[in-house]
Amino acid sequence: MKGLLRSFHYAFDGMAYALATQRNMRIHFLAAFVVIFLATVVSIPILQITTVLFSIALVITLEMVNTAIEHVVDMVTEDFHPLAKIAKDVAAAAVLVAAVNAVAVAYLIFYDKLNPVQWRSMDTLVQPPFIGVLLISVLCLMVAVSGYAVRIRLRGKDVHPSGS
């Protein structure tokens, strides 16, 4: 039992460290607080609350993983190394994907619940064509990033030692 309590203590230490030292973690916590507050004020259904909570947990979890990866990389090498850059960039990209997803989830859940009179002038933003445009934009972004990745590989900038 003592070992279990100690592991929880270490986990809380890790979360407290990330919150105290990482600006983005504080931003994520503030955004999470605002979204959870709004969810309680507008009384969204339980399934939507679950989706919001999962999105929040994903962003915060990935931010902590990103912090851990950055610290391990910094511990291993103080010099610039292309693999260290890749590790840090990929970890940061994971947080970015989760954060964009969280914003999309919040938009889709809250757009019609927050002051419908104010949103009336923005009706076109919540109509199905806008959602389609949003999805097409996300798809285009994914294709662009994939194309960039292919270009990097074709230029021989893949620095993985095994070459695979």
Foldseek 3Di string as FASTA:
>chain_A
DVVVVVVVVVVVVLLVVCCVPPPVLVVLVVVLVVLVVVCVVLVFDPVLVVVLVVLSVQLNVLSSVLVVLLVVLCVVDVDDDPVSVVSNVVSVVSNVVSVVVSVVSSCLRCVCRPPVVVCPVVVVCNDVVNVVVVVVVVVVVVVVVVVVVVVCVVVVVPPDVVND
